[in-house]
N, C-alpha and C. Protein backbone atom coordinates (compact mmCIF):
# COMPACT_ATOMS: atom_id res chain seq x y z
N UNK A 1 22.94 -1.68 -32.65
CA UNK A 1 23.07 -1.95 -31.23
C UNK A 1 22.17 -3.14 -30.90
N UNK A 2 22.70 -4.06 -30.10
CA UNK A 2 21.94 -5.26 -29.76
C UNK A 2 20.83 -4.93 -28.76
N UNK A 3 19.89 -5.85 -28.65
CA UNK A 3 18.78 -5.67 -27.71
C UNK A 3 19.27 -5.60 -26.27
N UNK A 4 20.29 -6.40 -25.96
CA UNK A 4 20.81 -6.40 -24.60
C UNK A 4 21.42 -5.05 -24.24
N UNK A 5 22.17 -4.46 -25.18
CA UNK A 5 22.76 -3.14 -24.94
C UNK A 5 21.68 -2.07 -24.82
N UNK A 6 20.65 -2.17 -25.65
CA UNK A 6 19.56 -1.20 -25.59
C UNK A 6 18.85 -1.29 -24.24
N UNK A 7 18.62 -2.50 -23.76
CA UNK A 7 17.98 -2.68 -22.45
C UNK A 7 18.86 -2.13 -21.34
N UNK A 8 20.18 -2.27 -21.48
CA UNK A 8 21.08 -1.74 -20.48
C UNK A 8 20.96 -0.21 -20.40
N UNK A 9 20.97 0.45 -21.55
CA UNK A 9 20.88 1.91 -21.55
C UNK A 9 19.52 2.39 -21.05
N UNK A 10 18.46 1.67 -21.40
CA UNK A 10 17.13 2.03 -20.90
C UNK A 10 17.07 1.87 -19.39
N UNK A 11 17.68 0.81 -18.86
CA UNK A 11 17.67 0.63 -17.41
C UNK A 11 18.51 1.70 -16.72
N UNK A 12 19.60 2.15 -17.35
CA UNK A 12 20.38 3.26 -16.79
C UNK A 12 19.54 4.53 -16.72
N UNK A 13 18.72 4.76 -17.72
CA UNK A 13 17.82 5.93 -17.70
C UNK A 13 16.85 5.80 -16.53
N UNK A 14 16.32 4.60 -16.31
CA UNK A 14 15.43 4.37 -15.17
C UNK A 14 16.11 4.63 -13.84
N UNK A 15 17.35 4.17 -13.70
CA UNK A 15 18.10 4.42 -12.47
C UNK A 15 18.36 5.91 -12.27
N UNK A 16 18.71 6.60 -13.36
CA UNK A 16 18.95 8.04 -13.28
C UNK A 16 17.68 8.77 -12.84
N UNK A 17 16.53 8.37 -13.39
CA UNK A 17 15.27 9.01 -13.01
C UNK A 17 14.94 8.75 -11.54
N UNK A 18 15.28 7.57 -11.03
CA UNK A 18 15.07 7.30 -9.60
C UNK A 18 15.94 8.22 -8.76
N UNK A 19 17.18 8.40 -9.16
CA UNK A 19 18.09 9.31 -8.45
C UNK A 19 17.56 10.74 -8.48
N UNK A 20 17.11 11.20 -9.64
CA UNK A 20 16.54 12.54 -9.77
C UNK A 20 15.33 12.68 -8.87
N UNK A 21 14.50 11.66 -8.81
CA UNK A 21 13.31 11.69 -7.98
C UNK A 21 13.66 11.86 -6.50
N UNK A 22 14.63 11.10 -6.04
CA UNK A 22 15.03 11.19 -4.63
C UNK A 22 15.61 12.57 -4.32
N UNK A 23 16.50 13.05 -5.17
CA UNK A 23 17.14 14.35 -4.92
C UNK A 23 16.12 15.48 -4.93
N UNK A 24 15.23 15.49 -5.92
CA UNK A 24 14.24 16.56 -5.97
C UNK A 24 13.26 16.49 -4.81
N UNK A 25 12.91 15.29 -4.35
CA UNK A 25 12.01 15.18 -3.20
C UNK A 25 12.68 15.71 -1.94
N UNK A 26 13.95 15.38 -1.75
CA UNK A 26 14.66 15.87 -0.57
C UNK A 26 14.81 17.38 -0.61
N UNK A 27 15.21 17.90 -1.77
CA UNK A 27 15.37 19.36 -1.90
C UNK A 27 14.04 20.05 -1.66
N UNK A 28 12.98 19.50 -2.22
CA UNK A 28 11.66 20.11 -2.07
C UNK A 28 11.23 20.15 -0.61
N UNK A 29 11.44 19.06 0.10
CA UNK A 29 11.00 19.01 1.51
C UNK A 29 11.86 19.88 2.42
N UNK A 30 13.15 19.97 2.12
CA UNK A 30 14.07 20.66 3.02
C UNK A 30 14.21 22.15 2.72
N UNK A 31 14.18 22.54 1.43
CA UNK A 31 14.56 23.90 1.06
C UNK A 31 13.42 24.76 0.52
N UNK A 32 12.36 24.14 0.04
CA UNK A 32 11.31 24.90 -0.64
C UNK A 32 10.03 24.95 0.19
N UNK A 33 9.16 25.88 -0.20
CA UNK A 33 7.84 25.95 0.43
C UNK A 33 6.86 26.55 -0.56
N UNK A 34 5.59 26.36 -0.26
CA UNK A 34 4.54 26.95 -1.08
C UNK A 34 4.34 26.22 -2.40
N UNK A 35 3.99 27.01 -3.42
CA UNK A 35 3.64 26.46 -4.74
C UNK A 35 4.82 25.75 -5.38
N UNK A 36 6.02 26.33 -5.26
CA UNK A 36 7.20 25.73 -5.88
C UNK A 36 7.49 24.35 -5.29
N UNK A 37 7.26 24.17 -3.99
CA UNK A 37 7.45 22.87 -3.37
C UNK A 37 6.52 21.83 -4.00
N UNK A 38 5.28 22.21 -4.21
CA UNK A 38 4.31 21.28 -4.80
C UNK A 38 4.71 20.90 -6.23
N UNK A 39 5.16 21.88 -7.00
CA UNK A 39 5.57 21.62 -8.38
C UNK A 39 6.75 20.66 -8.42
N UNK A 40 7.74 20.88 -7.57
CA UNK A 40 8.92 20.01 -7.55
C UNK A 40 8.54 18.62 -7.06
N UNK A 41 7.63 18.51 -6.10
CA UNK A 41 7.19 17.20 -5.64
C UNK A 41 6.43 16.44 -6.73
N UNK A 42 5.63 17.15 -7.51
CA UNK A 42 4.93 16.51 -8.64
C UNK A 42 5.95 16.02 -9.67
N UNK A 43 6.96 16.84 -9.95
CA UNK A 43 8.02 16.43 -10.87
C UNK A 43 8.73 15.19 -10.33
N UNK A 44 9.01 15.16 -9.04
CA UNK A 44 9.66 14.02 -8.42
C UNK A 44 8.80 12.76 -8.56
N UNK A 45 7.51 12.91 -8.31
CA UNK A 45 6.60 11.77 -8.43
C UNK A 45 6.53 11.27 -9.86
N UNK A 46 6.50 12.18 -10.83
CA UNK A 46 6.46 11.76 -12.23
C UNK A 46 7.74 11.02 -12.63
N UNK A 47 8.89 11.49 -12.15
CA UNK A 47 10.14 10.78 -12.41
C UNK A 47 10.09 9.37 -11.83
N UNK A 48 9.53 9.24 -10.63
CA UNK A 48 9.43 7.94 -9.99
C UNK A 48 8.51 7.00 -10.77
N UNK A 49 7.39 7.53 -11.24
CA UNK A 49 6.45 6.70 -12.00
C UNK A 49 7.08 6.25 -13.32
N UNK A 50 7.72 7.16 -14.03
CA UNK A 50 8.36 6.81 -15.30
C UNK A 50 9.46 5.78 -15.07
N UNK A 51 10.26 5.96 -14.03
CA UNK A 51 11.33 4.99 -13.76
C UNK A 51 10.73 3.63 -13.39
N UNK A 52 9.63 3.62 -12.67
CA UNK A 52 8.96 2.36 -12.36
C UNK A 52 8.46 1.65 -13.60
N UNK A 53 7.91 2.42 -14.54
CA UNK A 53 7.45 1.82 -15.80
C UNK A 53 8.63 1.27 -16.60
N UNK A 54 9.74 1.98 -16.59
CA UNK A 54 10.93 1.51 -17.29
C UNK A 54 11.42 0.20 -16.68
N UNK A 55 11.50 0.14 -15.36
CA UNK A 55 11.94 -1.09 -14.69
C UNK A 55 10.97 -2.22 -14.98
N UNK A 56 9.67 -1.94 -14.95
CA UNK A 56 8.67 -2.95 -15.28
C UNK A 56 8.87 -3.48 -16.70
N UNK A 57 9.12 -2.59 -17.64
CA UNK A 57 9.36 -2.98 -19.03
C UNK A 57 10.59 -3.88 -19.16
N UNK A 58 11.66 -3.52 -18.48
CA UNK A 58 12.90 -4.29 -18.56
C UNK A 58 12.72 -5.67 -17.92
N UNK A 59 12.07 -5.71 -16.76
CA UNK A 59 11.91 -6.99 -16.06
C UNK A 59 10.96 -7.91 -16.79
N UNK A 60 9.83 -7.37 -17.26
CA UNK A 60 8.86 -8.21 -17.97
C UNK A 60 9.42 -8.67 -19.31
N UNK A 61 10.32 -7.87 -19.91
CA UNK A 61 10.93 -8.25 -21.18
C UNK A 61 11.74 -9.52 -21.09
N UNK A 62 12.20 -9.87 -19.90
CA UNK A 62 12.95 -11.09 -19.71
C UNK A 62 14.37 -10.99 -20.22
N UNK A 63 15.06 -12.12 -20.18
CA UNK A 63 16.44 -12.12 -20.63
C UNK A 63 16.55 -11.92 -22.14
N UNK A 64 17.67 -11.37 -22.55
CA UNK A 64 17.89 -11.15 -23.97
C UNK A 64 18.92 -12.15 -24.48
N UNK A 65 19.01 -12.27 -25.76
CA UNK A 65 19.95 -13.18 -26.39
C UNK A 65 21.38 -12.73 -26.12
N UNK A 66 22.28 -13.67 -25.98
CA UNK A 66 23.68 -13.33 -25.74
C UNK A 66 24.40 -13.04 -27.04
N UNK A 67 23.77 -13.33 -28.16
CA UNK A 67 24.39 -13.09 -29.47
C UNK A 67 23.99 -11.72 -29.98
N UNK A 68 24.92 -11.01 -30.57
CA UNK A 68 24.63 -9.70 -31.16
C UNK A 68 23.80 -9.84 -32.41
N UNK A 69 23.12 -8.75 -32.79
CA UNK A 69 22.30 -8.83 -34.00
C UNK A 69 23.01 -8.24 -35.18
């Protein structure tokens, strides 16, 4: 698999984690309370941090070669 394709799949994982973060935060605020709410919010925050690191990695990595390896 080429570097460009690998970066694409990694960025998709980052986008998915952002989506999971938003959904879990909304569910936690609207439907949960107490200890479980805090646990789900921490999970949401961790998903957001990991997705941010993934996006940072992809952006700092710069453009990839257009030729396959």
